[in-house]
Amino acid sequence: MMNDTKLLSEQRITLKGIILGLCLIPAHCYWIMMTEIVWYSGHPTIVSLFFNAVFTIFVIGLLNLLLKRFAPRAALNESDLLVIFVMVAIASAICGHDMVEILVPIVGHAFWFASPENEWAQLFHRYLPSWLTVSDKRVLQGYYEGNSTIYDWMHIRGWLVPMAWWVGFIFVLLFVMLCFTVIVRRQWTEQEKLSYPIIQLPLELSSNSVSFFRNRTMWIAFAIGCGIDLINGLRYFCPMIPEIPVRRRYITLFTEKPWNAIGSIPISFYPFVIGLGFFIPLDLSFSCWFFFWVWRFENVLASILGLRSLPGFPYVTEQAAGAYLGLGLIAIWATRLHLKRVLKDLFRSDKVMDDSREPLHYRTAVIGLLVGFILLIAFCVRAGMGAKIAVAFFALYFLLAIAIARMRAELGTPVHDLHYAGPEQMLTKLLGTRRIVGANLTVMSLFWFITRAYRSHPMPHQLEGFKLVQQTRTSLRGLPIAIMLSTIVGTVTFFWFWLCLAYKD
């Protein structure tokens, strides 16, 4: 059987697809801002498959079928549709609950809410870098109180420098992720042949085939999910309409000790979760409910042994963080031979591995990864963090990122949140706060926007993007440019939209 790489044709990613993707990003930034911040509903970026990106490719796919019939030259090809999907997904990940949405409030929070009572000014203001934060309360007043505008020179000047530095930081962060995904792509995709369950729906929607849209079963399922949402949405405006109970409800099984330690059991019937469940392997589906009950019975055991009074016992968050780190190490170990060959080729004129069809040459990817990592450490050191702590911080962060990317590629996990278990929590619990001086603790708190949770982590979307485009027998060479362009446009646009909204309302 021919290797997947040999099947790739000379077709290239077109400028048309990239430009259209860039044009759609501001609309999605606004959409996410309104749904997740203003209305606080829908939350497209808390699950692995972003519905806003799927909806976009669904609508464009339908319009494209009409174009193919009446204006074939203007129609998009399959790779264009997938590039648009990838760019929108990357930008959405950056805009989501676990990235820039959290970053913007962090920038001025410590100064606006400082008071004589909490003594924040004496405790840690001296550790906060002026080039990463906004300290002028005249600038922050309009942000927190509204009835103002960002289009005031004092406001623009106050936010411009911190915003520029944070945009640069996010760009380098995602570039390091991109370089790593380029390095492991061939091993994970072509050698191990990981299944990438999450990409199946966008792949079908972009196929430019009417067979998907003529599938009767698909439309029945679509009507069921859409109907439930419409009825429950109408009930919000008209309470007389009966509700179809799909939202999470809690059932109490036991009321007496020690079994009451199991707690309430959440039950829900969300159509989108049921749909995503069909993409994941059976062993993952089994693990989801099996370890849910393991966790609950740990609480029962703790109640029997009288350990529930211990803070945080049975340390579920710590167990989950350890599992993620273990998965990251296993992923690296399983890829060790490939990584060794890549490193050997860096110092050879006669390369063993042909990287002509890779998104970037391996030498470029390795150098980019090393330079990017050094820049991140330099960023932290300039902000006041110790070099050793900075290296440990980002080593743990990228190990978690590798674990998430591997889980998505191999198993298609519907969610991967891991709340409140980032590198700063790990380091403070391992070393204690006394060994980590105030400057380290303060600067680490500025990175809360990338460590709070990992639901909308961008690295899996980068890796899945390579797999999607590869499926269309298209050269991967243009995709890194599209990904990094969407990173810049998405970050800057959402940052600006957020500030416009905050100052206005």
Protein backbone atom coordinates (compact mmCIF):
# COMPACT_ATOMS: atom_id res chain seq x y z
CA MET A 1 0.00 0.00 0.00
CA MET A 2 1.41 3.38 -0.96
CA ASN A 3 2.54 5.74 1.76
CA ASP A 4 0.18 8.65 2.45
CA THR A 5 2.91 11.15 1.62
CA LYS A 6 3.43 9.73 -1.82
CA LEU A 7 -0.23 10.25 -2.54
CA LEU A 8 0.08 13.99 -2.10
CA SER A 9 -0.25 15.91 -5.32
CA GLU A 10 1.34 19.22 -6.25
CA GLN A 11 -1.84 21.11 -5.30
CA ARG A 12 -1.07 24.04 -3.02
CA ILE A 13 -2.97 26.07 -0.47
CA THR A 14 -4.38 29.07 -2.31
CA LEU A 15 -4.24 32.71 -1.32
CA LYS A 16 -8.02 32.85 -1.77
CA GLY A 17 -8.61 30.47 1.13
CA ILE A 18 -6.17 32.28 3.43
CA ILE A 19 -7.65 35.72 2.69
CA LEU A 20 -11.21 34.50 3.24
CA GLY A 21 -10.13 32.87 6.50
CA LEU A 22 -8.55 36.12 7.69
CA CYS A 23 -11.70 38.05 6.76
CA LEU A 24 -13.87 35.69 8.80
CA ILE A 25 -11.73 35.86 11.95
CA PRO A 26 -13.01 39.28 13.20
CA ALA A 27 -16.61 38.06 12.91
CA HIS A 28 -15.77 34.99 14.98
CA CYS A 29 -13.91 37.07 17.55
CA TYR A 30 -17.02 39.20 17.98
CA TRP A 31 -19.26 36.09 18.07
CA ILE A 32 -17.18 34.48 20.82
CA MET A 33 -16.97 37.71 22.80
CA MET A 34 -20.74 38.13 22.77
CA THR A 35 -21.61 34.50 23.56
CA GLU A 36 -18.95 33.79 26.18
CA ILE A 37 -18.60 37.19 27.87
CA VAL A 38 -21.77 39.23 27.34
CA TRP A 39 -24.48 36.55 27.15
CA TYR A 40 -22.42 33.85 28.90
CA SER A 41 -24.16 31.06 27.03
CA GLY A 42 -23.31 28.63 24.28
CA HIS A 43 -19.59 28.73 25.09
CA PRO A 44 -18.24 27.42 21.76
CA THR A 45 -14.64 27.05 22.96
CA ILE A 46 -15.12 24.76 25.97
CA VAL A 47 -15.31 21.54 23.92
CA SER A 48 -12.81 20.09 21.47
CA LEU A 49 -14.87 20.74 18.34
CA PHE A 50 -15.82 24.43 18.18
CA PHE A 51 -19.37 24.75 16.88
CA ASN A 52 -18.74 28.23 15.47
CA ALA A 53 -16.02 26.83 13.18
CA VAL A 54 -18.23 23.87 12.19
CA PHE A 55 -21.16 26.19 11.48
CA THR A 56 -18.95 28.37 9.28
CA ILE A 57 -17.72 25.52 7.14
CA PHE A 58 -21.28 24.13 6.99
CA VAL A 59 -22.66 27.40 5.59
CA ILE A 60 -19.70 28.02 3.27
CA GLY A 61 -19.92 24.42 2.07
CA LEU A 62 -23.58 24.87 1.12
CA LEU A 63 -22.86 28.15 -0.66
CA ASN A 64 -19.89 26.56 -2.39
CA LEU A 65 -22.10 23.84 -3.88
CA LEU A 66 -24.18 26.60 -5.48
CA LEU A 67 -21.05 28.34 -6.76
CA LYS A 68 -19.78 25.10 -8.29
CA ARG A 69 -23.01 24.85 -10.24
CA PHE A 70 -23.47 28.46 -11.35
CA ALA A 71 -19.96 30.01 -11.11
CA PRO A 72 -17.37 27.20 -11.03
CA ARG A 73 -14.37 29.52 -11.25
CA ALA A 74 -15.36 31.33 -8.05
CA ALA A 75 -15.89 28.10 -6.10
CA LEU A 76 -13.51 27.02 -3.35
CA ASN A 77 -11.75 23.69 -3.43
CA GLU A 78 -11.70 21.26 -0.51
CA SER A 79 -8.34 22.43 0.81
CA ASP A 80 -9.55 26.06 0.84
CA LEU A 81 -12.52 25.10 2.99
CA LEU A 82 -10.30 23.21 5.41
CA VAL A 83 -7.77 26.04 5.64
CA ILE A 84 -10.64 28.39 6.53
CA PHE A 85 -11.80 25.93 9.19
CA VAL A 86 -8.31 25.61 10.68
CA MET A 87 -7.74 29.37 10.73
CA VAL A 88 -11.09 30.04 12.38
CA ALA A 89 -10.46 27.26 14.92
CA ILE A 90 -7.01 28.62 15.83
CA ALA A 91 -8.32 32.17 16.23
CA SER A 92 -11.27 30.91 18.28
CA ALA A 93 -8.93 28.96 20.57
CA ILE A 94 -6.95 32.14 21.22
CA CYS A 95 -10.12 34.17 21.86
CA GLY A 96 -11.71 31.55 24.08
CA HIS A 97 -12.37 31.11 27.77
CA ASP A 98 -8.86 29.91 28.50
CA MET A 99 -6.74 32.50 26.76
CA VAL A 100 -7.22 36.18 25.81
CA GLU A 101 -10.63 36.35 27.51
CA ILE A 102 -8.76 35.88 30.78
CA LEU A 103 -5.67 37.89 29.82
CA VAL A 104 -7.36 41.27 29.29
CA PRO A 105 -8.83 41.52 32.83
CA ILE A 106 -5.50 40.39 34.34
CA VAL A 107 -3.59 43.35 32.86
CA GLY A 108 -5.15 45.98 35.14
CA HIS A 109 -6.79 43.96 37.93
CA ALA A 110 -4.04 44.22 40.55
CA PHE A 111 -3.93 48.02 40.34
CA TRP A 112 -7.65 48.82 40.07
CA PHE A 113 -8.65 46.63 43.02
CA ALA A 114 -5.71 47.54 45.25
CA SER A 115 -6.79 49.21 48.49
CA PRO A 116 -5.29 50.15 51.86
CA GLU A 117 -7.14 47.19 53.38
CA ASN A 118 -5.69 44.46 51.14
CA GLU A 119 -2.25 46.14 50.96
CA TRP A 120 -1.61 44.83 47.46
CA ALA A 121 0.54 47.86 46.65
CA GLN A 122 2.97 47.00 49.44
CA LEU A 123 2.81 43.24 48.86
CA PHE A 124 3.47 42.81 45.16
CA HIS A 125 3.00 45.93 43.01
CA ARG A 126 6.78 46.36 42.82
CA TYR A 127 7.00 42.93 41.13
CA LEU A 128 4.51 43.74 38.37
CA PRO A 129 6.27 44.83 35.14
CA SER A 130 5.02 48.20 33.87
CA TRP A 131 5.35 47.00 30.25
CA LEU A 132 2.93 44.10 30.86
CA THR A 133 0.31 45.81 33.00
CA VAL A 134 -1.79 48.99 33.14
CA SER A 135 -1.29 50.82 36.42
CA ASP A 136 -2.85 54.23 35.67
CA LYS A 137 -6.30 54.31 37.29
CA ARG A 138 -7.37 57.08 34.93
CA VAL A 139 -6.90 54.62 32.06
CA LEU A 140 -8.57 51.80 33.97
CA GLN A 141 -11.59 53.83 35.12
CA GLY A 142 -13.32 53.68 31.76
CA TYR A 143 -12.49 49.99 31.40
CA TYR A 144 -14.13 49.02 34.69
CA GLU A 145 -16.92 51.60 34.86
CA GLY A 146 -17.89 51.91 31.19
CA ASN A 147 -19.62 54.91 29.60
CA SER A 148 -16.36 55.82 27.89
CA THR A 149 -14.42 54.89 24.76
CA ILE A 150 -11.11 53.23 24.00
CA TYR A 151 -10.63 55.81 21.23
CA ASP A 152 -9.01 58.28 23.58
CA TRP A 153 -5.27 58.85 23.25
CA MET A 154 -4.72 58.42 26.99
CA HIS A 155 -6.50 55.05 26.90
CA ILE A 156 -4.77 53.88 23.72
CA ARG A 157 -1.35 54.88 25.05
CA GLY A 158 -2.02 53.07 28.34
CA TRP A 159 -2.95 49.78 26.67
CA LEU A 160 -0.74 49.85 23.58
CA VAL A 161 2.57 48.74 25.12
CA PRO A 162 1.16 45.88 27.27
CA MET A 163 -1.02 44.70 24.38
CA ALA A 164 1.94 44.68 21.98
CA TRP A 165 4.08 42.65 24.39
CA TRP A 166 1.31 40.13 25.07
CA VAL A 167 0.54 39.74 21.36
CA GLY A 168 4.23 39.02 20.80
CA PHE A 169 4.25 36.52 23.66
CA ILE A 170 1.22 34.65 22.31
CA PHE A 171 2.75 34.61 18.82
CA VAL A 172 5.99 33.05 20.09
CA LEU A 173 4.08 30.61 22.31
CA LEU A 174 2.02 29.31 19.40
CA PHE A 175 5.07 29.26 17.13
CA VAL A 176 6.83 26.92 19.57
CA MET A 177 3.74 24.69 19.56
CA LEU A 178 3.68 24.80 15.76
CA CYS A 179 7.35 23.77 15.51
CA PHE A 180 6.76 20.80 17.80
CA THR A 181 3.70 19.64 15.87
CA VAL A 182 5.72 19.85 12.64
CA ILE A 183 8.42 17.65 14.18
CA VAL A 184 6.05 14.92 15.42
CA ARG A 185 3.45 15.12 12.63
CA ARG A 186 4.91 12.40 10.41
CA GLN A 187 5.48 9.98 13.29
CA TRP A 188 2.03 10.41 14.80
CA THR A 189 0.08 10.71 11.55
CA GLU A 190 1.85 8.46 9.03
CA GLN A 191 3.85 6.00 11.11
CA GLU A 192 1.58 5.40 14.11
CA LYS A 193 -1.48 6.32 12.01
CA LEU A 194 -3.40 7.97 14.84
CA SER A 195 -7.08 8.26 13.97
CA TYR A 196 -7.83 11.97 14.72
CA PRO A 197 -11.52 11.33 15.50
CA ILE A 198 -12.37 15.02 15.95
CA ILE A 199 -11.63 15.92 12.31
CA GLN A 200 -14.20 13.58 10.76
CA LEU A 201 -17.08 16.09 10.75
CA PRO A 202 -15.20 19.06 9.18
CA LEU A 203 -13.67 16.63 6.69
CA GLU A 204 -17.13 15.51 5.57
CA LEU A 205 -18.47 19.07 5.45
CA SER A 206 -15.60 20.23 3.25
CA SER A 207 -15.76 17.37 0.76
CA ASN A 208 -17.71 19.46 -1.81
CA SER A 209 -20.01 16.48 -2.22
CA VAL A 210 -23.80 16.61 -2.09
CA SER A 211 -23.91 13.08 -0.66
CA PHE A 212 -23.38 14.37 2.89
CA PHE A 213 -26.18 16.92 2.55
CA ARG A 214 -28.47 14.29 1.01
CA ASN A 215 -27.90 11.88 3.87
CA ARG A 216 -31.31 11.32 5.41
CA THR A 217 -29.93 10.06 8.73
CA MET A 218 -27.79 13.17 9.12
CA TRP A 219 -30.78 15.48 8.64
CA ILE A 220 -32.89 13.48 11.10
CA ALA A 221 -30.18 13.79 13.74
CA PHE A 222 -29.73 17.47 12.87
CA ALA A 223 -33.47 18.06 13.23
CA ILE A 224 -33.56 16.37 16.64
CA GLY A 225 -30.70 18.44 18.05
CA CYS A 226 -31.89 21.66 16.42
CA GLY A 227 -35.48 21.05 17.52
CA ILE A 228 -34.50 20.53 21.15
CA ASP A 229 -32.46 23.74 21.16
CA LEU A 230 -35.23 25.74 19.49
CA ILE A 231 -37.94 24.52 21.88
CA ASN A 232 -35.82 25.13 24.98
CA GLY A 233 -34.76 28.51 23.59
CA LEU A 234 -38.38 29.52 23.02
CA ARG A 235 -39.22 28.39 26.54
CA TYR A 236 -36.76 30.97 27.85
CA PHE A 237 -38.97 33.71 26.34
CA CYS A 238 -42.28 31.92 26.90
CA PRO A 239 -42.30 29.78 30.09
CA MET A 240 -45.61 28.17 29.04
CA ILE A 241 -43.71 26.05 26.49
CA PRO A 242 -42.69 22.75 28.11
CA GLU A 243 -38.97 22.10 28.47
CA ILE A 244 -37.23 19.08 26.97
CA PRO A 245 -34.93 18.07 29.86
CA VAL A 246 -31.42 17.70 28.45
CA ARG A 247 -29.45 19.99 30.76
CA ARG A 248 -27.44 18.73 33.69
CA ARG A 249 -29.43 17.59 36.69
CA TYR A 250 -28.20 16.12 39.96
CA ILE A 251 -29.42 12.88 41.50
CA THR A 252 -28.73 12.03 45.15
CA LEU A 253 -28.33 8.28 45.65
CA PHE A 254 -27.46 8.07 49.35
CA THR A 255 -28.10 10.23 52.40
CA GLU A 256 -26.28 8.29 55.14
CA LYS A 257 -22.57 7.85 55.85
CA PRO A 258 -20.26 6.68 54.42
CA TRP A 259 -22.11 6.30 51.09
CA ASN A 260 -23.33 9.88 51.03
CA ALA A 261 -19.71 10.83 50.29
CA ILE A 262 -20.44 9.78 46.71
CA GLY A 263 -22.30 13.06 46.42
CA SER A 264 -24.81 14.07 43.76
CA ILE A 265 -24.55 12.39 40.36
CA PRO A 266 -24.85 14.74 37.35
CA ILE A 267 -27.06 13.43 34.54
CA SER A 268 -27.46 15.18 31.19
CA PHE A 269 -28.48 14.36 27.62
CA TYR A 270 -26.81 17.06 25.53
CA PRO A 271 -27.15 16.12 21.84
CA PHE A 272 -23.72 17.51 20.95
CA VAL A 273 -22.07 15.36 23.65
CA ILE A 274 -23.89 12.28 22.41
CA GLY A 275 -22.74 13.12 18.87
CA LEU A 276 -19.12 13.57 19.92
CA GLY A 277 -19.37 10.27 21.79
CA PHE A 278 -19.68 8.45 18.46
CA PHE A 279 -16.26 9.73 17.40
CA ILE A 280 -14.33 8.54 20.44
CA PRO A 281 -13.03 4.96 20.84
CA LEU A 282 -14.84 2.54 23.12
CA ASP A 283 -11.92 2.27 25.54
CA LEU A 284 -12.00 6.02 26.12
CA SER A 285 -15.77 5.94 26.55
CA PHE A 286 -15.33 3.17 29.12
CA SER A 287 -12.57 5.11 30.91
CA CYS A 288 -14.78 8.21 31.23
CA TRP A 289 -17.44 6.57 33.36
CA PHE A 290 -15.13 4.03 35.04
CA PHE A 291 -12.79 6.64 36.49
CA PHE A 292 -15.73 8.86 37.36
CA TRP A 293 -16.89 6.12 39.73
CA VAL A 294 -13.33 5.47 40.92
CA TRP A 295 -13.17 9.11 41.94
CA ARG A 296 -16.51 8.93 43.75
CA PHE A 297 -15.57 5.74 45.60
CA GLU A 298 -12.32 7.39 46.65
CA ASN A 299 -14.54 9.86 48.52
CA VAL A 300 -16.38 6.97 50.17
CA LEU A 301 -13.08 5.38 51.23
CA ALA A 302 -11.91 8.72 52.58
CA SER A 303 -15.11 8.99 54.61
CA ILE A 304 -14.63 5.49 56.04
CA LEU A 305 -11.01 6.25 57.02
CA GLY A 306 -11.82 9.71 58.36
CA LEU A 307 -9.65 11.49 55.80
CA ARG A 308 -12.21 13.88 54.33
CA SER A 309 -11.11 16.61 56.71
CA LEU A 310 -7.75 16.78 54.93
CA PRO A 311 -7.72 19.80 52.58
CA GLY A 312 -8.30 18.68 49.01
CA PHE A 313 -8.42 14.95 49.73
CA PRO A 314 -8.49 12.68 47.67
CA TYR A 315 -6.57 15.20 45.50
CA VAL A 316 -8.49 14.61 42.29
CA THR A 317 -6.97 17.64 40.58
CA GLU A 318 -3.46 16.51 41.46
CA GLN A 319 -4.23 12.99 40.21
CA ALA A 320 -5.49 14.41 36.92
CA ALA A 321 -2.44 16.67 36.53
CA GLY A 322 -0.13 13.72 37.19
CA ALA A 323 -1.99 11.67 34.58
CA TYR A 324 -1.59 14.46 32.00
CA LEU A 325 2.14 14.74 32.73
CA GLY A 326 2.47 10.97 32.47
CA LEU A 327 0.69 10.95 29.11
CA GLY A 328 2.99 13.71 27.88
CA LEU A 329 6.09 11.74 28.89
CA ILE A 330 4.71 8.56 27.30
CA ALA A 331 4.04 10.47 24.05
CA ILE A 332 7.62 11.76 23.98
CA TRP A 333 9.03 8.32 24.82
CA ALA A 334 6.99 6.67 22.07
CA THR A 335 8.35 9.24 19.61
CA ARG A 336 11.97 9.05 20.82
CA LEU A 337 13.38 7.19 17.78
CA HIS A 338 11.81 9.67 15.38
CA LEU A 339 13.07 12.60 17.46
CA LYS A 340 16.55 11.07 17.50
CA ARG A 341 16.57 10.80 13.70
CA VAL A 342 15.39 14.40 13.37
CA LEU A 343 18.18 15.62 15.65
CA LYS A 344 20.81 13.57 13.80
CA ASP A 345 19.78 15.11 10.49
CA LEU A 346 20.46 18.59 11.87
CA PHE A 347 24.18 17.96 11.67
CA ARG A 348 24.32 15.95 8.43
CA SER A 349 24.55 17.13 4.86
CA ASP A 350 23.04 13.86 3.56
CA LYS A 351 19.70 13.70 5.34
CA VAL A 352 18.24 10.31 6.25
CA MET A 353 14.70 11.71 6.48
CA ASP A 354 13.07 13.46 3.54
CA ASP A 355 11.28 16.54 4.87
CA SER A 356 10.47 18.12 1.51
CA ARG A 357 6.74 17.53 2.03
CA GLU A 358 6.65 18.61 5.67
CA PRO A 359 5.03 21.95 6.66
CA LEU A 360 8.52 23.20 7.61
CA HIS A 361 11.95 21.68 7.15
CA TYR A 362 12.91 19.80 10.30
CA ARG A 363 15.98 21.98 10.77
CA THR A 364 13.78 25.10 10.65
CA ALA A 365 11.31 23.55 13.09
CA VAL A 366 13.96 22.50 15.62
CA ILE A 367 15.76 25.85 15.47
CA GLY A 368 12.41 27.65 15.70
CA LEU A 369 11.42 25.58 18.73
CA LEU A 370 14.71 26.26 20.54
CA VAL A 371 14.78 29.97 19.69
CA GLY A 372 11.10 30.35 20.62
CA PHE A 373 11.62 28.59 23.96
CA ILE A 374 14.61 30.82 24.72
CA LEU A 375 12.54 33.90 23.87
CA LEU A 376 9.80 32.77 26.27
CA ILE A 377 12.37 32.32 29.05
CA ALA A 378 13.91 35.72 28.24
CA PHE A 379 10.42 37.26 28.39
CA CYS A 380 9.91 35.81 31.88
CA VAL A 381 13.37 36.82 33.10
CA ARG A 382 12.83 40.39 31.88
CA ALA A 383 9.49 40.38 33.72
CA GLY A 384 11.29 39.42 36.95
CA MET A 385 11.01 35.64 37.09
CA GLY A 386 14.07 33.52 37.87
CA ALA A 387 15.49 31.62 34.88
CA LYS A 388 15.27 28.21 36.59
CA ILE A 389 11.66 28.75 37.61
CA ALA A 390 10.82 29.98 34.10
CA VAL A 391 12.37 26.88 32.51
CA ALA A 392 10.49 24.59 34.92
CA PHE A 393 7.26 26.52 34.33
CA PHE A 394 7.32 26.23 30.54
CA ALA A 395 8.68 22.67 30.59
CA LEU A 396 5.60 21.63 32.57
CA TYR A 397 3.32 23.76 30.39
CA PHE A 398 4.53 22.24 27.13
CA LEU A 399 4.43 18.74 28.62
CA LEU A 400 0.72 19.30 29.34
CA ALA A 401 0.29 20.69 25.81
CA ILE A 402 1.91 17.59 24.29
CA ALA A 403 -0.38 15.35 26.35
CA ILE A 404 -3.47 17.23 25.16
CA ALA A 405 -2.38 17.15 21.52
CA ARG A 406 -1.66 13.42 21.74
CA MET A 407 -5.01 12.68 23.41
CA ARG A 408 -6.88 14.59 20.71
CA ALA A 409 -4.98 12.88 17.89
CA GLU A 410 -5.31 9.37 19.29
CA LEU A 411 -8.60 9.40 21.16
CA GLY A 412 -10.51 12.54 20.19
CA THR A 413 -11.31 13.55 23.76
CA PRO A 414 -14.44 15.79 23.75
CA VAL A 415 -13.03 17.97 26.55
CA HIS A 416 -9.66 18.47 28.24
CA ASP A 417 -10.10 21.18 30.82
CA LEU A 418 -7.79 20.32 33.79
CA HIS A 419 -8.87 23.33 35.82
CA TYR A 420 -6.50 24.88 38.36
CA ALA A 421 -3.66 22.39 37.86
CA GLY A 422 -1.17 24.46 35.89
CA PRO A 423 2.60 24.74 36.33
CA GLU A 424 2.32 27.43 39.01
CA GLN A 425 0.16 25.17 41.20
CA MET A 426 2.53 22.24 40.65
CA LEU A 427 5.65 24.27 41.47
CA THR A 428 4.21 25.90 44.59
CA LYS A 429 2.94 22.55 45.91
CA LEU A 430 6.24 20.81 45.19
CA LEU A 431 8.62 23.54 46.35
CA GLY A 432 6.47 25.62 48.68
CA THR A 433 5.86 29.34 48.39
CA ARG A 434 8.86 30.25 50.57
CA ARG A 435 11.30 28.76 48.06
CA ILE A 436 9.64 30.68 45.24
CA VAL A 437 10.26 34.35 45.94
CA GLY A 438 7.59 37.01 45.53
CA ALA A 439 8.69 38.08 42.06
CA ASN A 440 8.29 34.54 40.71
CA LEU A 441 4.86 34.12 42.27
CA THR A 442 3.70 37.49 40.95
CA VAL A 443 4.94 37.02 37.39
CA MET A 444 3.54 33.47 37.27
CA SER A 445 0.13 34.90 38.15
CA LEU A 446 0.24 36.93 34.92
CA PHE A 447 0.25 33.65 32.97
CA TRP A 448 -3.03 32.57 34.55
CA PHE A 449 -4.68 33.04 31.16
CA ILE A 450 -2.77 30.04 29.71
CA THR A 451 -2.72 27.82 32.82
CA ARG A 452 -6.19 28.28 34.34
CA ALA A 453 -7.65 25.53 32.13
CA TYR A 454 -6.88 23.90 28.78
CA ARG A 455 -10.27 23.53 27.08
CA SER A 456 -9.47 25.73 24.09
CA HIS A 457 -5.78 24.86 23.84
CA PRO A 458 -4.55 25.77 20.32
CA MET A 459 -1.89 23.05 19.88
CA PRO A 460 -4.33 20.20 19.06
CA HIS A 461 -5.95 22.41 16.41
CA GLN A 462 -2.57 22.96 14.76
CA LEU A 463 -1.89 19.22 14.62
CA GLU A 464 -5.40 18.42 13.40
CA GLY A 465 -5.05 21.14 10.77
CA PHE A 466 -2.06 19.34 9.23
CA LYS A 467 -4.02 16.09 9.15
CA LEU A 468 -7.07 17.74 7.58
CA VAL A 469 -5.14 19.39 4.77
CA GLN A 470 -3.06 16.27 4.17
CA GLN A 471 -6.29 14.32 3.56
CA THR A 472 -6.98 16.53 0.52
CA ARG A 473 -3.62 15.66 -1.09
CA THR A 474 -2.48 19.25 -0.73
CA SER A 475 1.01 20.51 0.09
CA LEU A 476 1.34 21.45 3.75
CA ARG A 477 3.91 24.17 3.10
CA GLY A 478 1.49 27.11 3.20
CA LEU A 479 -0.38 26.04 6.33
CA PRO A 480 2.14 27.33 8.95
CA ILE A 481 1.83 30.81 7.41
CA ALA A 482 -1.98 30.61 7.56
CA ILE A 483 -1.86 29.42 11.19
CA MET A 484 0.49 32.17 12.35
CA LEU A 485 -1.46 34.85 10.44
CA SER A 486 -4.66 33.70 12.15
CA THR A 487 -2.80 33.85 15.47
CA ILE A 488 -1.84 37.50 15.00
CA VAL A 489 -5.18 38.63 13.56
CA GLY A 490 -7.21 36.70 16.15
CA THR A 491 -5.19 38.00 19.11
CA VAL A 492 -5.13 41.65 18.05
CA THR A 493 -8.78 41.69 16.96
CA PHE A 494 -10.14 40.10 20.11
CA PHE A 495 -7.96 42.27 22.32
CA TRP A 496 -9.35 45.38 20.60
CA PHE A 497 -12.96 44.18 20.58
CA TRP A 498 -12.74 43.37 24.30
CA LEU A 499 -11.43 46.84 25.11
CA CYS A 500 -14.07 48.53 22.94
CA LEU A 501 -16.83 46.60 24.70
CA ALA A 502 -15.47 47.20 28.20
CA TYR A 503 -15.02 50.95 27.74
CA LYS A 504 -18.45 51.31 26.15
CA ASP A 505 -20.51 49.24 28.61
